[in-house]
């Protein structure tokens, strides 16, 4: 059983199939980040992966098994393991990132040519990316509303299966690396903020779901856009690493019922939409889906980029979001939209710079969702935000963090400011020391961004 981004025992289709095949089951995880170029796991993802593998080791031990850890190219590593154990079949759950799907296709063919059975399964999505098509055209869908309607015409996701109570062990276990040998954790410990906030692993994922169902789901529709309140599920890293299945979440939320449940299921639909787009348009990880954006006049300014990265733009909601990201490896979704809009439209810095920064710093860094989110905000992707939608970071702050609680949490130098000054501290009678003024003026940046968008619209015409 080859574990990848499915680090759980519950509702794990490949693991259940391996367990029911009748022979010993040898769970293995292979660290081969070079096979995922140009998007190998970032620093925050590697930290989470270490913790998640620890949890998986404990879960497998309780089921009478071990997790074999290996490093190296996947095919050669699996072939060596097959030779060592006499394995006759390999089971895995499918992934959908472009480099990984190409690797898996080569690997499956090579194993089958050697007479090794290969069985693959869907354990990470509600719907396979190729299963959803335009009703009349049969083409992939690029508008979320049409995509979600097509999903709702599909049979409902199957009920989740439990975990295998026991896994048959081989007569002798093959050798394994120690988890520390994979060198996933940072040599200099910068992860204290992550440890305070997160509980990686399967048990952590189930606990996060129970918390969401018990205390947050009822108010989700009205609270999910408020970064100053704990209104979101915080399940995204657990979903990315496969510590909880989307079917488990779907059925638990559906059982809750009500408007809030439908609002949350729609967000799961956006995740499905992201994978649909990534599968059908794999070039979009580093190229705009809308071809005219290849000519967009992006600005190259490393100083401005670094100020954005470090939360020093002078716009409190932008800076609070970036500092939350730096400290916890996560950012509230409303803040994500605001900081992405600010980078691409106020600073006119290429969305790819933002995508790379998020990739390295997010614990829930997910190629499909990262690509969709950045291209949507920049206006260059599917179902993109209209080019003229340029978030005013002050108005966004006033609307979604009206008392400034989120800002004060992450920007202590603004702690003494009250509303309305905390949303635009440069306007305060006594601007606070130690906090920068705005790196750009909103009205001027908006005019320049609209002119830049107009220039590529004229080219298209």
Protein backbone atom coordinates (compact mmCIF):
# COMPACT_ATOMS: atom_id res chain seq x y z
CA UNK A 1 0.00 0.00 0.00
CA UNK A 2 1.68 3.17 -1.26
CA UNK A 3 0.66 6.15 0.88
CA UNK A 4 0.82 9.61 -0.69
CA UNK A 5 -1.61 12.45 0.12
CA UNK A 6 -3.96 10.03 1.86
CA UNK A 7 -2.38 9.81 5.31
CA UNK A 8 -5.23 8.13 7.16
CA UNK A 9 -6.75 4.74 7.85
CA UNK A 10 -10.41 5.80 7.78
CA UNK A 11 -12.24 5.72 4.44
CA UNK A 12 -9.02 4.95 2.59
CA UNK A 13 -10.09 3.05 -0.53
CA UNK A 14 -6.65 1.75 -1.53
CA UNK A 15 -5.83 0.59 1.99
CA UNK A 16 -9.17 -1.18 2.37
CA UNK A 17 -8.68 -2.89 -1.00
CA UNK A 18 -5.17 -4.00 -0.04
CA UNK A 19 -6.43 -5.32 3.28
CA UNK A 20 -9.15 -7.35 1.58
CA UNK A 21 -6.82 -8.82 -1.05
CA UNK A 22 -5.95 -11.73 1.21
CA UNK A 23 -2.22 -11.35 1.80
CA UNK A 24 0.11 -9.36 4.01
CA UNK A 25 -0.08 -5.57 3.64
CA UNK A 26 3.12 -3.52 3.61
CA UNK A 27 2.40 0.21 3.98
CA UNK A 28 5.08 2.42 2.44
CA UNK A 29 5.72 6.13 2.10
CA UNK A 30 8.33 7.30 -0.41
CA UNK A 31 9.96 10.72 -0.12
CA UNK A 32 10.69 11.74 -3.73
CA UNK A 33 10.11 15.50 -3.95
CA UNK A 34 12.18 15.84 -7.12
CA UNK A 35 9.41 14.02 -8.95
CA UNK A 36 7.05 16.91 -8.21
CA UNK A 37 9.15 19.64 -9.80
CA UNK A 38 8.58 22.52 -10.26
CA UNK A 39 6.33 22.35 -7.20
CA UNK A 40 8.06 20.18 -4.56
CA UNK A 41 6.54 20.53 -1.08
CA UNK A 42 7.37 23.84 0.60
CA UNK A 43 8.83 24.36 4.05
CA UNK A 44 5.51 24.60 5.91
CA UNK A 45 4.15 21.56 4.06
CA UNK A 46 7.23 19.52 4.97
CA UNK A 47 6.78 20.42 8.64
CA UNK A 48 3.16 19.27 8.53
CA UNK A 49 4.09 16.11 6.64
CA UNK A 50 6.52 15.07 9.38
CA UNK A 51 3.81 15.39 12.03
CA UNK A 52 1.24 13.62 9.86
CA UNK A 53 3.55 10.68 9.18
CA UNK A 54 4.13 10.36 12.91
CA UNK A 55 0.37 10.10 13.39
CA UNK A 56 0.07 7.56 10.57
CA UNK A 57 2.82 5.42 12.10
CA UNK A 58 0.87 5.32 15.36
CA UNK A 59 -2.38 4.43 13.63
CA UNK A 60 -0.80 1.63 11.63
CA UNK A 61 0.90 0.25 14.74
CA UNK A 62 -2.50 0.01 16.43
CA UNK A 63 -3.71 -2.03 13.43
CA UNK A 64 -0.75 -4.40 13.67
CA UNK A 65 1.29 -2.85 10.85
CA UNK A 66 4.29 -0.62 10.27
CA UNK A 67 4.95 2.28 7.94
CA UNK A 68 8.02 1.62 5.80
CA UNK A 69 9.78 4.86 4.93
CA UNK A 70 11.99 5.07 1.87
CA UNK A 71 13.71 7.83 -0.08
CA UNK A 72 14.40 7.90 -3.81
CA UNK A 73 12.70 7.71 -7.22
CA UNK A 74 9.31 6.09 -6.77
CA UNK A 75 9.54 3.37 -9.43
CA UNK A 76 12.97 2.12 -8.43
CA UNK A 77 12.03 2.27 -4.75
CA UNK A 78 8.85 0.26 -5.28
CA UNK A 79 10.70 -2.25 -7.47
CA UNK A 80 13.31 -2.78 -4.73
CA UNK A 81 10.59 -3.23 -2.14
CA UNK A 82 8.76 -5.71 -4.36
CA UNK A 83 11.99 -7.68 -4.83
CA UNK A 84 12.66 -7.69 -1.09
CA UNK A 85 9.17 -8.84 -0.08
CA UNK A 86 7.81 -10.83 -3.00
CA UNK A 87 4.95 -8.38 -3.37
CA UNK A 88 2.54 -9.14 -6.19
CA UNK A 89 0.44 -5.96 -6.31
CA UNK A 90 0.68 -2.26 -5.49
CA UNK A 91 -2.31 -0.24 -4.33
CA UNK A 92 -2.52 3.55 -4.26
CA UNK A 93 -4.98 6.42 -4.29
CA UNK A 94 -4.86 8.74 -7.24
CA UNK A 95 -3.36 12.22 -7.31
CA UNK A 96 -4.07 14.85 -9.95
CA UNK A 97 -1.12 17.28 -10.09
CA UNK A 98 0.36 17.38 -13.64
CA UNK A 99 3.87 16.13 -12.81
CA UNK A 100 2.52 13.46 -10.47
CA UNK A 101 -0.09 12.11 -12.88
CA UNK A 102 2.57 11.78 -15.59
CA UNK A 103 4.88 10.01 -13.14
CA UNK A 104 2.10 7.66 -12.01
CA UNK A 105 1.20 6.71 -15.59
CA UNK A 106 4.83 5.76 -16.33
CA UNK A 107 5.08 3.88 -13.07
CA UNK A 108 1.86 1.93 -13.58
CA UNK A 109 2.90 0.83 -17.07
CA UNK A 110 6.34 -0.25 -15.88
CA UNK A 111 4.91 -2.33 -13.02
CA UNK A 112 2.25 -3.93 -15.19
CA UNK A 113 4.86 -4.81 -17.82
CA UNK A 114 6.69 -6.71 -15.06
CA UNK A 115 3.54 -8.64 -14.15
CA UNK A 116 2.86 -6.65 -10.98
CA UNK A 117 -0.79 -5.86 -10.34
CA UNK A 118 -1.67 -2.20 -9.92
CA UNK A 119 -4.94 -0.95 -8.45
CA UNK A 120 -5.70 2.74 -8.05
CA UNK A 121 -8.60 4.49 -6.35
CA UNK A 122 -10.19 7.85 -5.66
CA UNK A 123 -9.86 8.79 -2.02
CA UNK A 124 -9.25 12.53 -2.27
CA UNK A 125 -12.20 13.98 -4.21
CA UNK A 126 -15.97 13.75 -4.25
CA UNK A 127 -15.99 13.53 -8.05
CA UNK A 128 -13.27 12.53 -10.48
CA UNK A 129 -12.12 15.53 -12.55
CA UNK A 130 -13.05 13.82 -15.81
CA UNK A 131 -16.55 12.88 -14.60
CA UNK A 132 -17.92 16.43 -14.71
CA UNK A 133 -18.56 17.80 -18.19
CA UNK A 134 -20.69 20.39 -19.94
CA UNK A 135 -24.18 18.97 -20.44
CA UNK A 136 -24.41 19.90 -24.10
CA UNK A 137 -20.76 20.14 -25.18
CA UNK A 138 -19.09 17.46 -23.09
CA UNK A 139 -16.20 19.90 -22.57
CA UNK A 140 -14.49 20.76 -19.30
CA UNK A 141 -16.23 23.56 -17.43
CA UNK A 142 -14.63 26.91 -16.66
CA UNK A 143 -17.45 28.60 -14.75
CA UNK A 144 -18.07 27.48 -11.18
CA UNK A 145 -21.87 27.84 -11.22
CA UNK A 146 -22.17 25.52 -14.22
CA UNK A 147 -19.64 23.14 -12.70
CA UNK A 148 -21.48 22.96 -9.37
CA UNK A 149 -24.80 22.33 -11.10
CA UNK A 150 -23.17 19.50 -13.04
CA UNK A 151 -21.86 18.04 -9.77
CA UNK A 152 -25.31 18.16 -8.26
CA UNK A 153 -26.65 16.13 -11.18
CA UNK A 154 -24.22 13.35 -10.28
CA UNK A 155 -25.11 10.61 -7.79
CA UNK A 156 -24.34 11.77 -4.26
CA UNK A 157 -20.91 10.77 -2.94
CA UNK A 158 -20.92 7.30 -1.41
CA UNK A 159 -21.03 6.99 2.35
CA UNK A 160 -17.55 6.81 3.87
CA UNK A 161 -16.11 3.46 4.87
CA UNK A 162 -14.41 2.90 8.18
CA UNK A 163 -10.85 1.76 8.78
CA UNK A 164 -9.62 -1.82 8.55
CA UNK A 165 -9.46 -3.08 12.13
CA UNK A 166 -6.39 -5.22 11.44
CA UNK A 167 -3.79 -5.47 8.68
CA UNK A 168 -2.07 -8.78 8.03
CA UNK A 169 1.65 -8.50 8.63
CA UNK A 170 4.40 -10.13 6.56
CA UNK A 171 6.58 -12.79 8.17
CA UNK A 172 9.45 -10.27 8.21
CA UNK A 173 9.22 -6.51 7.81
CA UNK A 174 11.53 -4.86 5.27
CA UNK A 175 13.97 -2.23 6.46
CA UNK A 176 12.78 1.32 6.91
CA UNK A 177 14.37 4.72 7.32
CA UNK A 178 13.67 6.61 10.51
CA UNK A 179 11.29 9.50 10.01
CA UNK A 180 14.05 11.95 11.01
CA UNK A 181 16.14 10.63 8.08
CA UNK A 182 13.72 12.31 5.67
CA UNK A 183 14.78 15.70 7.10
CA UNK A 184 11.34 17.21 6.78
CA UNK A 185 11.48 19.43 9.84
CA UNK A 186 13.48 22.68 9.72
CA UNK A 187 17.01 22.66 11.06
CA UNK A 188 16.34 26.04 12.69
CA UNK A 189 13.10 25.76 14.63
CA UNK A 190 10.76 28.40 13.22
CA UNK A 191 7.66 26.24 13.67
CA UNK A 192 6.64 27.16 17.22
CA UNK A 193 3.73 29.22 15.92
CA UNK A 194 2.52 26.27 13.86
CA UNK A 195 2.70 23.91 16.82
CA UNK A 196 0.57 26.25 18.95
CA UNK A 197 -2.22 26.35 16.39
CA UNK A 198 -2.35 22.96 14.66
CA UNK A 199 -2.75 19.29 15.46
CA UNK A 200 -1.64 17.47 12.30
CA UNK A 201 -2.69 13.87 11.70
CA UNK A 202 -5.84 11.82 11.32
CA UNK A 203 -7.02 12.37 14.89
CA UNK A 204 -6.46 16.09 14.48
CA UNK A 205 -8.56 16.11 11.33
CA UNK A 206 -11.44 14.33 13.01
CA UNK A 207 -11.21 16.67 16.00
CA UNK A 208 -11.29 19.71 13.69
CA UNK A 209 -14.40 18.36 11.99
CA UNK A 210 -16.14 17.75 15.31
CA UNK A 211 -15.30 21.28 16.47
CA UNK A 212 -16.65 22.72 13.25
CA UNK A 213 -19.87 20.73 13.42
CA UNK A 214 -20.40 21.48 17.09
CA UNK A 215 -19.57 25.17 17.36
CA UNK A 216 -19.12 26.83 13.95
CA UNK A 217 -21.23 25.29 11.21
CA UNK A 218 -24.54 26.77 12.34
CA UNK A 219 -23.20 30.28 11.79
CA UNK A 220 -20.92 29.46 8.87
CA UNK A 221 -22.83 31.34 6.15
CA UNK A 222 -22.67 34.60 8.08
CA UNK A 223 -19.30 34.20 9.80
CA UNK A 224 -17.02 32.65 7.18
CA UNK A 225 -15.97 36.04 5.80
CA UNK A 226 -15.01 37.47 9.20
CA UNK A 227 -11.29 37.02 9.96
CA UNK A 228 -11.91 38.43 13.44
CA UNK A 229 -14.11 35.45 14.35
CA UNK A 230 -13.51 31.68 14.42
CA UNK A 231 -16.09 30.97 11.73
CA UNK A 232 -14.28 28.67 9.30
CA UNK A 233 -13.69 24.92 9.44
CA UNK A 234 -9.85 25.05 9.36
CA UNK A 235 -9.99 21.66 7.66
CA UNK A 236 -7.98 22.64 4.59
CA UNK A 237 -4.57 21.22 5.66
CA UNK A 238 -6.20 18.01 6.87
CA UNK A 239 -7.95 17.68 3.50
CA UNK A 240 -4.78 18.40 1.56
CA UNK A 241 -2.77 15.71 3.33
CA UNK A 242 -5.67 13.27 3.20
CA UNK A 243 -5.96 13.00 6.98
CA UNK A 244 -9.72 13.13 6.57
CA UNK A 245 -11.74 12.20 3.52
CA UNK A 246 -13.98 14.68 1.71
CA UNK A 247 -16.74 12.07 1.79
CA UNK A 248 -16.53 11.94 5.59
CA UNK A 249 -16.89 15.72 5.71
CA UNK A 250 -19.61 15.82 3.06
CA UNK A 251 -21.89 13.37 4.83
CA UNK A 252 -21.29 14.84 8.28
CA UNK A 253 -22.14 18.35 7.07
CA UNK A 254 -25.10 17.13 5.00
CA UNK A 255 -26.49 15.40 8.09
CA UNK A 256 -26.32 18.72 9.94
CA UNK A 257 -28.60 20.27 7.31
CA UNK A 258 -29.73 23.83 6.81
CA UNK A 259 -28.53 26.88 4.89
CA UNK A 260 -25.15 26.88 6.60
CA UNK A 261 -24.53 23.29 5.51
CA UNK A 262 -25.27 24.13 1.88
CA UNK A 263 -22.96 27.14 2.10
CA UNK A 264 -20.09 24.96 3.33
CA UNK A 265 -20.72 22.19 0.80
CA UNK A 266 -20.45 24.84 -1.90
CA UNK A 267 -16.95 25.58 -0.61
CA UNK A 268 -16.10 21.89 -0.95
CA UNK A 269 -17.39 22.33 -4.49
CA UNK A 270 -14.80 25.06 -5.10
CA UNK A 271 -12.12 22.58 -4.08
CA UNK A 272 -13.52 20.11 -6.61
CA UNK A 273 -13.59 22.86 -9.24
CA UNK A 274 -9.93 23.61 -8.58
CA UNK A 275 -8.97 19.99 -9.26
CA UNK A 276 -11.19 19.88 -12.34
CA UNK A 277 -9.35 22.88 -13.77
CA UNK A 278 -5.90 21.61 -12.82
CA UNK A 279 -6.56 18.26 -14.47
CA UNK A 280 -7.91 19.70 -17.71
CA UNK A 281 -5.64 22.76 -17.91
CA UNK A 282 -2.35 21.63 -16.33
CA UNK A 283 -0.43 24.54 -17.87
CA UNK A 284 -2.19 26.98 -15.56
CA UNK A 285 0.16 26.36 -12.64
CA UNK A 286 2.53 28.88 -14.24
CA UNK A 287 0.71 30.22 -17.30
CA UNK A 288 -2.48 32.29 -17.46
CA UNK A 289 -5.54 30.41 -18.64
CA UNK A 290 -6.68 33.55 -20.47
CA UNK A 291 -4.02 33.95 -23.14
CA UNK A 292 -4.19 37.75 -23.30
CA UNK A 293 -2.73 37.94 -19.79
CA UNK A 294 0.62 36.76 -21.14
CA UNK A 295 1.03 40.39 -22.28
CA UNK A 296 -0.01 41.97 -18.98
CA UNK A 297 2.49 44.68 -17.93
CA UNK A 298 3.52 43.27 -14.57
CA UNK A 299 5.88 45.33 -12.43
CA UNK A 300 9.15 43.84 -11.17
CA UNK A 301 9.94 45.34 -7.77
CA UNK A 302 11.68 43.10 -5.24
CA UNK A 303 11.44 45.74 -2.51
CA UNK A 304 7.67 46.01 -2.78
CA UNK A 305 7.36 42.23 -2.98
CA UNK A 306 9.34 41.81 0.22
CA UNK A 307 7.24 44.40 2.04
CA UNK A 308 4.14 42.46 1.02
CA UNK A 309 5.70 39.17 2.13
CA UNK A 310 6.65 40.55 5.54
CA UNK A 311 3.40 42.41 6.24
CA UNK A 312 4.86 45.92 5.88
CA UNK A 313 2.64 47.49 3.21
CA UNK A 314 1.02 50.05 5.52
CA UNK A 315 -2.47 48.61 4.90
CA UNK A 316 -3.45 46.88 8.17
CA UNK A 317 -5.73 44.13 6.82
CA UNK A 318 -3.14 43.15 4.19
CA UNK A 319 -0.34 43.13 6.76
CA UNK A 320 -2.36 41.25 9.37
CA UNK A 321 -3.07 38.51 6.85
CA UNK A 322 0.56 38.20 5.82
CA UNK A 323 1.74 38.07 9.42
CA UNK A 324 -0.86 35.45 10.31
CA UNK A 325 0.50 33.40 7.41
CA UNK A 326 4.11 33.81 8.52
CA UNK A 327 3.32 32.82 12.11
CA UNK A 328 0.75 30.04 11.72
CA UNK A 329 1.14 28.76 8.15
CA UNK A 330 -2.47 29.66 7.41
CA UNK A 331 -4.52 32.70 6.49
CA UNK A 332 -8.24 33.39 6.65
CA UNK A 333 -9.84 33.13 3.21
CA UNK A 334 -11.14 36.71 3.15
CA UNK A 335 -7.64 37.93 3.99
CA UNK A 336 -6.23 35.68 1.24
CA UNK A 337 -8.41 37.40 -1.34
CA UNK A 338 -7.46 40.86 -0.08
CA UNK A 339 -3.69 40.22 0.03
CA UNK A 340 -3.77 38.56 -3.41
CA UNK A 341 -5.72 41.44 -4.90
CA UNK A 342 -3.29 43.89 -3.33
CA UNK A 343 -0.24 42.13 -4.79
CA UNK A 344 -1.63 41.75 -8.30
CA UNK A 345 -3.63 44.96 -8.64
CA UNK A 346 -2.20 47.55 -6.25
CA UNK A 347 1.43 46.50 -6.68
CA UNK A 348 0.90 44.93 -10.13
CA UNK A 349 3.32 42.14 -9.27
CA UNK A 350 2.82 38.87 -11.15
CA UNK A 351 0.44 36.46 -9.43
CA UNK A 352 3.09 33.73 -9.78
CA UNK A 353 5.21 35.49 -7.14
CA UNK A 354 2.28 35.26 -4.75
CA UNK A 355 1.61 31.65 -5.65
CA UNK A 356 5.24 30.70 -4.90
CA UNK A 357 5.18 32.53 -1.57
CA UNK A 358 1.94 30.84 -0.51
CA UNK A 359 3.33 27.51 -1.67
CA UNK A 360 6.29 27.77 0.69
CA UNK A 361 4.50 29.24 3.70
CA UNK A 362 1.04 27.62 3.80
CA UNK A 363 0.50 24.39 5.70
CA UNK A 364 -2.45 23.77 3.37
CA UNK A 365 -0.46 24.56 0.21
CA UNK A 366 -2.40 22.70 -2.47
CA UNK A 367 -1.48 23.07 -6.12
CA UNK A 368 -5.05 23.00 -7.43
CA UNK A 369 -6.45 25.46 -4.91
CA UNK A 370 -3.39 27.71 -5.00
CA UNK A 371 -3.56 27.96 -8.78
CA UNK A 372 -7.30 28.62 -8.90
CA UNK A 373 -7.17 31.21 -6.13
CA UNK A 374 -4.34 33.25 -7.59
CA UNK A 375 -5.54 33.15 -11.19
CA UNK A 376 -9.08 33.99 -10.09
CA UNK A 377 -7.92 37.02 -8.13
CA UNK A 378 -5.54 38.21 -10.84
CA UNK A 379 -8.34 37.96 -13.41
CA UNK A 380 -6.37 35.58 -15.64
CA UNK A 381 -8.07 32.28 -14.85
CA UNK A 382 -11.37 30.44 -15.11
CA UNK A 383 -14.45 32.16 -13.71
CA UNK A 384 -12.08 35.01 -12.90
CA UNK A 385 -12.97 38.03 -10.83
CA UNK A 386 -13.84 40.93 -13.17
CA UNK A 387 -10.78 42.97 -14.03
CA UNK A 388 -12.35 46.09 -12.50
CA UNK A 389 -12.89 44.38 -9.11
CA UNK A 390 -10.02 45.84 -7.13
CA UNK A 391 -10.53 45.39 -3.42
CA UNK A 392 -10.14 48.55 -1.40
CA UNK A 393 -8.18 47.19 1.60
CA UNK A 394 -9.52 49.89 3.92
CA UNK A 395 -13.16 49.20 3.07
CA UNK A 396 -12.56 45.46 3.30
CA UNK A 397 -11.10 45.99 6.75
CA UNK A 398 -13.99 48.18 7.88
CA UNK A 399 -16.53 45.66 6.61
CA UNK A 400 -15.03 42.36 7.75
CA UNK A 401 -13.00 43.39 10.80
CA UNK A 402 -15.05 46.37 11.99
CA UNK A 403 -13.59 46.62 15.49
CA UNK A 404 -10.05 45.86 14.31
CA UNK A 405 -9.73 42.71 16.45
CA UNK A 406 -7.99 40.71 13.72
CA UNK A 407 -5.61 43.56 13.00
CA UNK A 408 -4.66 44.02 16.67
CA UNK A 409 -4.00 40.31 17.02
CA UNK A 410 -1.34 40.32 14.32
CA UNK A 411 -0.07 43.90 14.34
CA UNK A 412 0.75 44.74 17.96
CA UNK A 413 2.11 48.17 17.02
CA UNK A 414 -1.48 49.16 16.18
CA UNK A 415 -2.88 47.75 19.41
CA UNK A 416 -3.75 51.15 20.92
CA UNK A 417 -5.61 52.45 17.89
CA UNK A 418 -9.39 52.26 17.90
CA UNK A 419 -11.81 52.29 15.00
CA UNK A 420 -11.92 53.99 12.58
CA UNK A 421 -8.20 54.84 12.70
CA UNK A 422 -7.05 51.24 12.91
CA UNK A 423 -8.24 50.65 9.35
CA UNK A 424 -6.23 53.62 8.00
CA UNK A 425 -3.64 54.51 10.65
CA UNK A 426 -1.96 57.16 8.48
CA UNK A 427 -5.12 59.25 8.95
CA UNK A 428 -5.01 59.06 12.75
CA UNK A 429 -4.34 62.33 14.66
CA UNK A 430 -1.15 60.69 15.98
CA UNK A 431 -0.03 57.93 13.59
CA UNK A 432 1.58 55.07 15.54
CA UNK A 433 5.33 54.77 15.59
CA UNK A 434 6.93 51.67 14.12
CA UNK A 435 4.24 51.03 11.53
CA UNK A 436 4.89 52.10 7.92
CA UNK A 437 2.76 54.38 5.83
CA UNK A 438 1.05 52.99 2.71
CA UNK A 439 3.49 51.80 0.05
CA UNK A 440 1.04 52.94 -2.64
CA UNK A 441 -2.03 55.18 -2.67
CA UNK A 442 -5.19 53.18 -3.32
CA UNK A 443 -6.79 55.56 -5.85
CA UNK A 444 -3.62 55.96 -7.87
CA UNK A 445 -2.87 52.21 -7.82
CA UNK A 446 -6.42 51.48 -8.92
CA UNK A 447 -6.17 53.85 -11.89
CA UNK A 448 -2.88 52.32 -12.99
CA UNK A 449 -4.24 48.79 -12.67
CA UNK A 450 -7.33 49.62 -14.73
CA UNK A 451 -5.12 51.19 -17.40
CA UNK A 452 -2.99 48.05 -17.49
CA UNK A 453 -6.06 45.84 -17.85
CA UNK A 454 -7.39 48.09 -20.59
CA UNK A 455 -4.13 47.75 -22.51
CA UNK A 456 -4.48 43.99 -22.82
CA UNK A 457 -8.19 44.25 -23.58
CA UNK A 458 -7.36 46.50 -26.56
CA UNK A 459 -4.81 43.94 -27.78
CA UNK A 460 -7.46 41.23 -27.68
CA UNK A 461 -9.85 43.34 -29.72
